[in-house]
Amino acid sequence: MDLVKYGNVILLGFLVWLLIAPRAGSPQYSESFLAYMVALLFSLIGSSEIMMVKPVAFFFTIGGVFAFCYIVASSAIRVGLRK
Protein backbone atom coordinates (compact mmCIF):
# COMPACT_ATOMS: atom_id res chain seq x y z
CA MET A 1 0.00 0.00 0.00
CA ASP A 2 1.43 3.36 -1.05
CA LEU A 3 -0.02 5.32 1.84
CA VAL A 4 1.87 3.24 4.38
CA LYS A 5 5.02 3.31 2.27
CA TYR A 6 4.98 7.11 1.90
CA GLY A 7 3.57 7.96 5.34
CA ASN A 8 6.77 9.64 6.51
CA VAL A 9 6.86 11.73 3.33
CA ILE A 10 3.29 12.87 3.98
CA LEU A 11 4.24 13.79 7.55
CA LEU A 12 7.30 15.68 6.35
CA GLY A 13 5.20 17.52 3.77
CA PHE A 14 2.68 18.40 6.47
CA LEU A 15 5.40 19.85 8.68
CA VAL A 16 7.08 21.83 5.89
CA TRP A 17 3.82 23.30 4.60
CA LEU A 18 2.79 24.08 8.16
CA LEU A 19 6.05 25.96 8.71
CA ILE A 20 5.60 28.12 5.60
CA ALA A 21 1.94 28.85 6.37
CA PRO A 22 1.09 32.48 7.14
CA ARG A 23 0.50 33.41 10.76
CA ALA A 24 -2.98 34.60 11.72
CA GLY A 25 -1.77 37.69 13.59
CA SER A 26 0.22 39.02 10.64
CA PRO A 27 -0.90 42.39 9.19
CA GLN A 28 -0.83 40.99 5.63
CA TYR A 29 -2.49 37.68 6.48
CA SER A 30 -4.99 37.72 3.62
CA GLU A 31 -2.36 38.30 0.92
CA SER A 32 -0.03 35.74 2.47
CA PHE A 33 -2.82 33.18 2.73
CA LEU A 34 -3.76 33.72 -0.91
CA ALA A 35 -0.13 33.21 -1.95
CA TYR A 36 0.00 30.07 0.21
CA MET A 37 -3.13 28.67 -1.47
CA VAL A 38 -1.82 29.42 -4.96
CA ALA A 39 1.55 27.82 -4.18
CA LEU A 40 -0.20 24.70 -2.92
CA LEU A 41 -2.44 24.62 -5.98
CA PHE A 42 0.49 24.85 -8.40
CA SER A 43 2.35 22.25 -6.38
CA LEU A 44 -0.62 19.88 -6.63
CA ILE A 45 -0.93 20.42 -10.36
CA GLY A 46 2.79 19.95 -10.93
CA SER A 47 3.12 16.90 -8.73
CA SER A 48 0.10 15.21 -10.30
CA GLU A 49 1.80 15.53 -13.68
CA ILE A 50 4.96 13.79 -12.48
CA MET A 51 3.26 11.28 -10.18
CA MET A 52 4.23 8.30 -12.32
CA VAL A 53 7.90 9.33 -12.35
CA LYS A 54 8.31 10.71 -8.81
CA PRO A 55 5.45 9.66 -6.52
CA VAL A 56 7.29 11.17 -3.54
CA ALA A 57 6.52 14.68 -4.80
CA PHE A 58 2.82 13.90 -4.93
CA PHE A 59 2.72 12.49 -1.41
CA PHE A 60 4.74 15.44 -0.12
CA THR A 61 2.07 17.74 -1.55
CA ILE A 62 -0.67 15.61 0.01
CA GLY A 63 0.96 16.46 3.33
CA GLY A 64 0.59 20.10 2.29
CA VAL A 65 -3.11 19.56 1.68
CA PHE A 66 -3.47 18.17 5.19
CA ALA A 67 -1.59 21.20 6.56
CA PHE A 68 -3.90 23.53 4.62
CA CYS A 69 -6.98 21.78 6.02
CA TYR A 70 -5.51 21.99 9.52
CA ILE A 71 -4.87 25.74 9.16
CA VAL A 72 -8.35 26.43 7.82
CA ALA A 73 -9.98 24.32 10.54
CA SER A 74 -7.95 25.87 13.34
CA SER A 75 -8.70 29.41 12.16
CA ALA A 76 -12.41 28.60 11.89
CA ILE A 77 -12.50 27.20 15.40
CA ARG A 78 -10.57 30.20 16.77
CA VAL A 79 -13.06 32.63 15.21
CA GLY A 80 -15.99 30.58 16.48
CA LEU A 81 -14.77 30.58 20.05
CA ARG A 82 -14.08 34.32 20.17
CA LYS A 83 -17.72 35.24 19.55
PDB file of N, CA and C in Angstrom:
ATOM      1  N   MET A   1       0.847  -1.178   0.000  1.00  0.00           N
ATOM      2  CA  MET A   1       0.000   0.000   0.000  1.00  0.00           C
ATOM      3  C   MET A   1       0.892   1.242   0.000  1.00  0.00           C
ATOM      4  N   ASP A   2       0.603   2.163  -0.893  1.00  0.00           N
ATOM      5  CA  ASP A   2       1.433   3.357  -1.047  1.00  0.00           C
ATOM      6  C   ASP A   2       1.315   4.313   0.127  1.00  0.00           C
ATOM      7  N   LEU A   3       0.156   4.378   0.740  1.00  0.00           N
ATOM      8  CA  LEU A   3      -0.023   5.321   1.841  1.00  0.00           C
ATOM      9  C   LEU A   3       0.864   4.958   3.030  1.00  0.00           C
ATOM     10  N   VAL A   4       0.999   3.674   3.293  1.00  0.00           N
ATOM     11  CA  VAL A   4       1.874   3.243   4.382  1.00  0.00           C
ATOM     12  C   VAL A   4       3.336   3.447   3.988  1.00  0.00           C
ATOM     13  N   LYS A   5       3.648   3.185   2.754  1.00  0.00           N
ATOM     14  CA  LYS A   5       5.022   3.313   2.265  1.00  0.00           C
ATOM     15  C   LYS A   5       5.499   4.764   2.303  1.00  0.00           C
ATOM     16  N   TYR A   6       4.617   5.695   1.970  1.00  0.00           N
ATOM     17  CA  TYR A   6       4.984   7.115   1.904  1.00  0.00           C
ATOM     18  C   TYR A   6       4.439   7.923   3.077  1.00  0.00           C
ATOM     19  N   GLY A   7       4.114   7.270   4.179  1.00  0.00           N
ATOM     20  CA  GLY A   7       3.565   7.961   5.344  1.00  0.00           C
ATOM     21  C   GLY A   7       4.517   8.998   5.917  1.00  0.00           C
ATOM     22  N   ASN A   8       5.809   8.670   5.967  1.00  0.00           N
ATOM     23  CA  ASN A   8       6.768   9.638   6.508  1.00  0.00           C
ATOM     24  C   ASN A   8       6.951  10.827   5.575  1.00  0.00           C
ATOM     25  N   VAL A   9       6.776  10.624   4.285  1.00  0.00           N
ATOM     26  CA  VAL A   9       6.861  11.733   3.332  1.00  0.00           C
ATOM     27  C   VAL A   9       5.653  12.651   3.501  1.00  0.00           C
ATOM     28  N   ILE A  10       4.490  12.070   3.739  1.00  0.00           N
ATOM     29  CA  ILE A  10       3.293  12.874   3.978  1.00  0.00           C
ATOM     30  C   ILE A  10       3.460  13.687   5.257  1.00  0.00           C
ATOM     31  N   LEU A  11       3.997  13.072   6.304  1.00  0.00           N
ATOM     32  CA  LEU A  11       4.238  13.788   7.555  1.00  0.00           C
ATOM     33  C   LEU A  11       5.252  14.909   7.365  1.00  0.00           C
ATOM     34  N   LEU A  12       6.299  14.648   6.629  1.00  0.00           N
ATOM     35  CA  LEU A  12       7.299  15.681   6.354  1.00  0.00           C
ATOM     36  C   LEU A  12       6.692  16.825   5.541  1.00  0.00           C
ATOM     37  N   GLY A  13       5.887  16.496   4.548  1.00  0.00           N
ATOM     38  CA  GLY A  13       5.200  17.522   3.767  1.00  0.00           C
ATOM     39  C   GLY A  13       4.268  18.350   4.626  1.00  0.00           C
ATOM     40  N   PHE A  14       3.568  17.690   5.545  1.00  0.00           N
ATOM     41  CA  PHE A  14       2.684  18.405   6.471  1.00  0.00           C
ATOM     42  C   PHE A  14       3.478  19.404   7.300  1.00  0.00           C
ATOM     43  N   LEU A  15       4.601  18.970   7.839  1.00  0.00           N
ATOM     44  CA  LEU A  15       5.403  19.852   8.684  1.00  0.00           C
ATOM     45  C   LEU A  15       6.003  21.023   7.907  1.00  0.00           C
ATOM     46  N   VAL A  16       6.493  20.761   6.701  1.00  0.00           N
ATOM     47  CA  VAL A  16       7.084  21.830   5.892  1.00  0.00           C
ATOM     48  C   VAL A  16       6.025  22.845   5.485  1.00  0.00           C
ATOM     49  N   TRP A  17       4.881  22.381   5.005  1.00  0.00           N
ATOM     50  CA  TRP A  17       3.820  23.299   4.598  1.00  0.00           C
ATOM     51  C   TRP A  17       3.240  24.042   5.792  1.00  0.00           C
ATOM     52  N   LEU A  18       3.256  23.400   6.967  1.00  0.00           N
ATOM     53  CA  LEU A  18       2.792  24.077   8.164  1.00  0.00           C
ATOM     54  C   LEU A  18       3.765  25.172   8.577  1.00  0.00           C
ATOM     55  N   LEU A  19       5.043  24.944   8.380  1.00  0.00           N
ATOM     56  CA  LEU A  19       6.047  25.964   8.709  1.00  0.00           C
ATOM     57  C   LEU A  19       5.963  27.182   7.799  1.00  0.00           C
ATOM     58  N   ILE A  20       5.643  26.980   6.521  1.00  0.00           N
ATOM     59  CA  ILE A  20       5.600  28.116   5.602  1.00  0.00           C
ATOM     60  C   ILE A  20       4.221  28.781   5.559  1.00  0.00           C
ATOM     61  N   ALA A  21       3.289  28.269   6.335  1.00  0.00           N
ATOM     62  CA  ALA A  21       1.942  28.851   6.365  1.00  0.00           C
ATOM     63  C   ALA A  21       1.981  30.233   7.003  1.00  0.00           C
ATOM     64  N   PRO A  22       1.134  31.135   6.536  1.00  0.00           N
ATOM     65  CA  PRO A  22       1.090  32.479   7.137  1.00  0.00           C
ATOM     66  C   PRO A  22       0.520  32.427   8.548  1.00  0.00           C
ATOM     67  N   ARG A  23       0.973  33.331   9.371  1.00  0.00           N
ATOM     68  CA  ARG A  23       0.502  33.407  10.760  1.00  0.00           C
ATOM     69  C   ARG A  23      -0.737  34.287  10.827  1.00  0.00           C
ATOM     70  N   ALA A  24      -1.686  33.904  11.661  1.00  0.00           N
ATOM     71  CA  ALA A  24      -2.981  34.597  11.725  1.00  0.00           C
ATOM     72  C   ALA A  24      -2.861  36.029  12.231  1.00  0.00           C
ATOM     73  N   GLY A  25      -1.891  36.348  13.051  1.00  0.00           N
ATOM     74  CA  GLY A  25      -1.767  37.694  13.588  1.00  0.00           C
ATOM     75  C   GLY A  25      -1.028  38.654  12.683  1.00  0.00           C
ATOM     76  N   SER A  26      -0.563  38.203  11.563  1.00  0.00           N
ATOM     77  CA  SER A  26       0.216  39.021  10.640  1.00  0.00           C
ATOM     78  C   SER A  26      -0.655  40.115  10.010  1.00  0.00           C
ATOM     79  N   PRO A  27      -0.092  41.314   9.790  1.00  0.00           N
ATOM     80  CA  PRO A  27      -0.900  42.389   9.187  1.00  0.00           C
ATOM     81  C   PRO A  27      -1.287  42.116   7.727  1.00  0.00           C
ATOM     82  N   GLN A  28      -0.522  41.318   7.029  1.00  0.00           N
ATOM     83  CA  GLN A  28      -0.833  40.990   5.628  1.00  0.00           C
ATOM     84  C   GLN A  28      -1.267  39.534   5.510  1.00  0.00           C
ATOM     85  N   TYR A  29      -2.085  39.089   6.437  1.00  0.00           N
ATOM     86  CA  TYR A  29      -2.489  37.682   6.477  1.00  0.00           C
ATOM     87  C   TYR A  29      -3.257  37.273   5.228  1.00  0.00           C
ATOM     88  N   SER A  30      -4.155  38.114   4.762  1.00  0.00           N
ATOM     89  CA  SER A  30      -4.993  37.721   3.616  1.00  0.00           C
ATOM     90  C   SER A  30      -4.165  37.542   2.353  1.00  0.00           C
ATOM     91  N   GLU A  31      -3.215  38.442   2.101  1.00  0.00           N
ATOM     92  CA  GLU A  31      -2.359  38.302   0.919  1.00  0.00           C
ATOM     93  C   GLU A  31      -1.440  37.098   1.046  1.00  0.00           C
ATOM     94  N   SER A  32      -0.909  36.885   2.247  1.00  0.00           N
ATOM     95  CA  SER A  32      -0.028  35.739   2.467  1.00  0.00           C
ATOM     96  C   SER A  32      -0.788  34.427   2.339  1.00  0.00           C
ATOM     97  N   PHE A  33      -2.023  34.397   2.829  1.00  0.00           N
ATOM     98  CA  PHE A  33      -2.822  33.183   2.730  1.00  0.00           C
ATOM     99  C   PHE A  33      -3.188  32.884   1.282  1.00  0.00           C
ATOM    100  N   LEU A  34      -3.479  33.913   0.507  1.00  0.00           N
ATOM    101  CA  LEU A  34      -3.760  33.717  -0.910  1.00  0.00           C
ATOM    102  C   LEU A  34      -2.534  33.169  -1.637  1.00  0.00           C
ATOM    103  N   ALA A  35      -1.369  33.719  -1.343  1.00  0.00           N
ATOM    104  CA  ALA A  35      -0.134  33.211  -1.955  1.00  0.00           C
ATOM    105  C   ALA A  35       0.133  31.768  -1.537  1.00  0.00           C
ATOM    106  N   TYR A  36      -0.163  31.439  -0.291  1.00  0.00           N
ATOM    107  CA  TYR A  36      -0.003  30.074   0.211  1.00  0.00           C
ATOM    108  C   TYR A  36      -0.923  29.111  -0.540  1.00  0.00           C
ATOM    109  N   MET A  37      -2.179  29.515  -0.746  1.00  0.00           N
ATOM    110  CA  MET A  37      -3.132  28.670  -1.465  1.00  0.00           C
ATOM    111  C   MET A  37      -2.712  28.469  -2.912  1.00  0.00           C
ATOM    112  N   VAL A  38      -2.241  29.525  -3.565  1.00  0.00           N
ATOM    113  CA  VAL A  38      -1.821  29.421  -4.964  1.00  0.00           C
ATOM    114  C   VAL A  38      -0.588  28.536  -5.087  1.00  0.00           C
ATOM    115  N   ALA A  39       0.355  28.672  -4.162  1.00  0.00           N
ATOM    116  CA  ALA A  39       1.548  27.823  -4.184  1.00  0.00           C
ATOM    117  C   ALA A  39       1.177  26.361  -4.008  1.00  0.00           C
ATOM    118  N   LEU A  40       0.240  26.078  -3.109  1.00  0.00           N
ATOM    119  CA  LEU A  40      -0.205  24.699  -2.915  1.00  0.00           C
ATOM    120  C   LEU A  40      -0.934  24.179  -4.145  1.00  0.00           C
ATOM    121  N   LEU A  41      -1.733  25.016  -4.769  1.00  0.00           N
ATOM    122  CA  LEU A  41      -2.442  24.616  -5.982  1.00  0.00           C
ATOM    123  C   LEU A  41      -1.474  24.268  -7.103  1.00  0.00           C
ATOM    124  N   PHE A  42      -0.496  25.140  -7.349  1.00  0.00           N
ATOM    125  CA  PHE A  42       0.487  24.852  -8.397  1.00  0.00           C
ATOM    126  C   PHE A  42       1.320  23.629  -8.062  1.00  0.00           C
ATOM    127  N   SER A  43       1.596  23.428  -6.793  1.00  0.00           N
ATOM    128  CA  SER A  43       2.347  22.252  -6.378  1.00  0.00           C
ATOM    129  C   SER A  43       1.536  20.982  -6.628  1.00  0.00           C
ATOM    130  N   LEU A  44       0.246  21.033  -6.358  1.00  0.00           N
ATOM    131  CA  LEU A  44      -0.615  19.880  -6.630  1.00  0.00           C
ATOM    132  C   LEU A  44      -0.692  19.584  -8.120  1.00  0.00           C
ATOM    133  N   ILE A  45      -0.851  20.613  -8.907  1.00  0.00           N
ATOM    134  CA  ILE A  45      -0.931  20.419 -10.363  1.00  0.00           C
ATOM    135  C   ILE A  45       0.378  19.855 -10.895  1.00  0.00           C
ATOM    136  N   GLY A  46       1.490  20.422 -10.461  1.00  0.00           N
ATOM    137  CA  GLY A  46       2.789  19.952 -10.927  1.00  0.00           C
ATOM    138  C   GLY A  46       3.110  18.546 -10.475  1.00  0.00           C
ATOM    139  N   SER A  47       2.787  18.229  -9.232  1.00  0.00           N
ATOM    140  CA  SER A  47       3.116  16.896  -8.732  1.00  0.00           C
ATOM    141  C   SER A  47       2.192  15.838  -9.315  1.00  0.00           C
ATOM    142  N   SER A  48       0.973  16.200  -9.672  1.00  0.00           N
ATOM    143  CA  SER A  48       0.098  15.209 -10.303  1.00  0.00           C
ATOM    144  C   SER A  48       0.588  14.863 -11.708  1.00  0.00           C
ATOM    145  N   GLU A  49       1.258  15.801 -12.356  1.00  0.00           N
ATOM    146  CA  GLU A  49       1.802  15.534 -13.685  1.00  0.00           C
ATOM    147  C   GLU A  49       2.990  14.577 -13.641  1.00  0.00           C
ATOM    148  N   ILE A  50       3.773  14.645 -12.559  1.00  0.00           N
ATOM    149  CA  ILE A  50       4.960  13.791 -12.483  1.00  0.00           C
ATOM    150  C   ILE A  50       4.773  12.628 -11.508  1.00  0.00           C
ATOM    151  N   MET A  51       3.526  12.319 -11.168  1.00  0.00           N
ATOM    152  CA  MET A  51       3.262  11.277 -10.181  1.00  0.00           C
ATOM    153  C   MET A  51       3.805   9.922 -10.604  1.00  0.00           C
ATOM    154  N   MET A  52       3.751   9.605 -11.861  1.00  0.00           N
ATOM    155  CA  MET A  52       4.233   8.301 -12.320  1.00  0.00           C
ATOM    156  C   MET A  52       5.751   8.203 -12.239  1.00  0.00           C
ATOM    157  N   VAL A  53       6.436   9.334 -12.382  1.00  0.00           N
ATOM    158  CA  VAL A  53       7.899   9.328 -12.351  1.00  0.00           C
ATOM    159  C   VAL A  53       8.409   9.461 -10.924  1.00  0.00           C
ATOM    160  N   LYS A  54       7.875  10.435 -10.188  1.00  0.00           N
ATOM    161  CA  LYS A  54       8.310  10.712  -8.809  1.00  0.00           C
ATOM    162  C   LYS A  54       7.083  10.755  -7.895  1.00  0.00           C
ATOM    163  N   PRO A  55       6.629   9.633  -7.392  1.00  0.00           N
ATOM    164  CA  PRO A  55       5.445   9.664  -6.517  1.00  0.00           C
ATOM    165  C   PRO A  55       5.708  10.359  -5.178  1.00  0.00           C
ATOM    166  N   VAL A  56       6.970  10.495  -4.796  1.00  0.00           N
ATOM    167  CA  VAL A  56       7.293  11.165  -3.535  1.00  0.00           C
ATOM    168  C   VAL A  56       6.813  12.614  -3.566  1.00  0.00           C
ATOM    169  N   ALA A  57       6.950  13.285  -4.689  1.00  0.00           N
ATOM    170  CA  ALA A  57       6.521  14.683  -4.804  1.00  0.00           C
ATOM    171  C   ALA A  57       5.018  14.807  -4.580  1.00  0.00           C
ATOM    172  N   PHE A  58       4.263  13.862  -5.108  1.00  0.00           N
ATOM    173  CA  PHE A  58       2.815  13.897  -4.932  1.00  0.00           C
ATOM    174  C   PHE A  58       2.442  13.704  -3.467  1.00  0.00           C
ATOM    175  N   PHE A  59       3.060  12.750  -2.806  1.00  0.00           N
ATOM    176  CA  PHE A  59       2.722  12.492  -1.413  1.00  0.00           C
ATOM    177  C   PHE A  59       3.209  13.611  -0.498  1.00  0.00           C
ATOM    178  N   PHE A  60       4.290  14.270  -0.861  1.00  0.00           N
ATOM    179  CA  PHE A  60       4.741  15.444  -0.116  1.00  0.00           C
ATOM    180  C   PHE A  60       3.687  16.552  -0.201  1.00  0.00           C
ATOM    181  N   THR A  61       3.108  16.724  -1.366  1.00  0.00           N
ATOM    182  CA  THR A  61       2.071  17.737  -1.554  1.00  0.00           C
ATOM    183  C   THR A  61       0.779  17.345  -0.851  1.00  0.00           C
ATOM    184  N   ILE A  62       0.502  16.059  -0.754  1.00  0.00           N
ATOM    185  CA  ILE A  62      -0.669  15.607   0.006  1.00  0.00           C
ATOM    186  C   ILE A  62      -0.511  16.014   1.475  1.00  0.00           C
ATOM    187  N   GLY A  63       0.700  15.948   1.987  1.00  0.00           N
ATOM    188  CA  GLY A  63       0.961  16.462   3.331  1.00  0.00           C
ATOM    189  C   GLY A  63       0.646  17.946   3.419  1.00  0.00           C
ATOM    190  N   GLY A  64       0.936  18.682   2.340  1.00  0.00           N
ATOM    191  CA  GLY A  64       0.594  20.098   2.287  1.00  0.00           C
ATOM    192  C   GLY A  64      -0.908  20.328   2.304  1.00  0.00           C
ATOM    193  N   VAL A  65      -1.646  19.458   1.667  1.00  0.00           N
ATOM    194  CA  VAL A  65      -3.108  19.563   1.678  1.00  0.00           C
ATOM    195  C   VAL A  65      -3.639  19.355   3.102  1.00  0.00           C
ATOM    196  N   PHE A  66      -3.065  18.384   3.803  1.00  0.00           N
ATOM    197  CA  PHE A  66      -3.470  18.169   5.194  1.00  0.00           C
ATOM    198  C   PHE A  66      -3.125  19.380   6.053  1.00  0.00           C
ATOM    199  N   ALA A  67      -1.976  20.000   5.809  1.00  0.00           N
ATOM    200  CA  ALA A  67      -1.589  21.198   6.558  1.00  0.00           C
ATOM    201  C   ALA A  67      -2.553  22.341   6.254  1.00  0.00           C
ATOM    202  N   PHE A  68      -2.941  22.488   4.999  1.00  0.00           N
ATOM    203  CA  PHE A  68      -3.898  23.526   4.619  1.00  0.00           C
ATOM    204  C   PHE A  68      -5.229  23.316   5.327  1.00  0.00           C
ATOM    205  N   CYS A  69      -5.710  22.085   5.333  1.00  0.00           N
ATOM    206  CA  CYS A  69      -6.976  21.783   6.018  1.00  0.00           C
ATOM    207  C   CYS A  69      -6.861  22.056   7.507  1.00  0.00           C
ATOM    208  N   TYR A  70      -5.723  21.731   8.096  1.00  0.00           N
ATOM    209  CA  TYR A  70      -5.507  21.994   9.519  1.00  0.00           C
ATOM    210  C   TYR A  70      -5.541  23.496   9.804  1.00  0.00           C
ATOM    211  N   ILE A  71      -4.908  24.282   8.956  1.00  0.00           N
ATOM    212  CA  ILE A  71      -4.870  25.740   9.162  1.00  0.00           C
ATOM    213  C   ILE A  71      -6.261  26.342   9.015  1.00  0.00           C
ATOM    214  N   VAL A  72      -6.996  25.909   8.015  1.00  0.00           N
ATOM    215  CA  VAL A  72      -8.355  26.429   7.817  1.00  0.00           C
ATOM    216  C   VAL A  72      -9.251  26.030   8.986  1.00  0.00           C
ATOM    217  N   ALA A  73      -9.152  24.783   9.429  1.00  0.00           N
ATOM    218  CA  ALA A  73      -9.982  24.322  10.543  1.00  0.00           C
ATOM    219  C   ALA A  73      -9.616  25.042  11.839  1.00  0.00           C
ATOM    220  N   SER A  74      -8.337  25.218  12.090  1.00  0.00           N
ATOM    221  CA  SER A  74      -7.946  25.875  13.339  1.00  0.00           C
ATOM    222  C   SER A  74      -8.319  27.353  13.337  1.00  0.00           C
ATOM    223  N   SER A  75      -8.275  28.010  12.197  1.00  0.00           N
ATOM    224  CA  SER A  75      -8.697  29.414  12.161  1.00  0.00           C
ATOM    225  C   SER A  75     -10.212  29.530  12.289  1.00  0.00           C
ATOM    226  N   ALA A  76     -10.951  28.577  11.758  1.00  0.00           N
ATOM    227  CA  ALA A  76     -12.411  28.602  11.888  1.00  0.00           C
ATOM    228  C   ALA A  76     -12.832  28.363  13.336  1.00  0.00           C
ATOM    229  N   ILE A  77     -12.154  27.476  14.014  1.00  0.00           N
ATOM    230  CA  ILE A  77     -12.497  27.204  15.404  1.00  0.00           C
ATOM    231  C   ILE A  77     -12.126  28.410  16.267  1.00  0.00           C
ATOM    232  N   ARG A  78     -11.005  29.029  15.985  1.00  0.00           N
ATOM    233  CA  ARG A  78     -10.567  30.199  16.766  1.00  0.00           C
ATOM    234  C   ARG A  78     -11.587  31.329  16.629  1.00  0.00           C
ATOM    235  N   VAL A  79     -12.077  31.572  15.427  1.00  0.00           N
ATOM    236  CA  VAL A  79     -13.058  32.629  15.213  1.00  0.00           C
ATOM    237  C   VAL A  79     -14.366  32.275  15.899  1.00  0.00           C
ATOM    238  N   GLY A  80     -14.748  31.002  15.859  1.00  0.00           N
ATOM    239  CA  GLY A  80     -15.993  30.578  16.478  1.00  0.00           C
ATOM    240  C   GLY A  80     -15.978  30.702  17.984  1.00  0.00           C
ATOM    241  N   LEU A  81     -14.844  30.496  18.598  1.00  0.00           N
ATOM    242  CA  LEU A  81     -14.767  30.577  20.047  1.00  0.00           C
ATOM    243  C   LEU A  81     -14.668  32.010  20.548  1.00  0.00           C
ATOM    244  N   ARG A  82     -14.198  32.918  19.746  1.00  0.00           N
ATOM    245  CA  ARG A  82     -14.077  34.320  20.168  1.00  0.00           C
ATOM    246  C   ARG A  82     -15.439  34.977  20.304  1.00  0.00           C
ATOM    247  N   LYS A  83     -16.397  34.603  19.504  1.00  0.00           N
ATOM    248  CA  LYS A  83     -17.720  35.243  19.547  1.00  0.00           C
ATOM    249  C   LYS A  83     -18.490  34.611  20.632  1.00  0.00           C
TER     250      LYS A  83
END
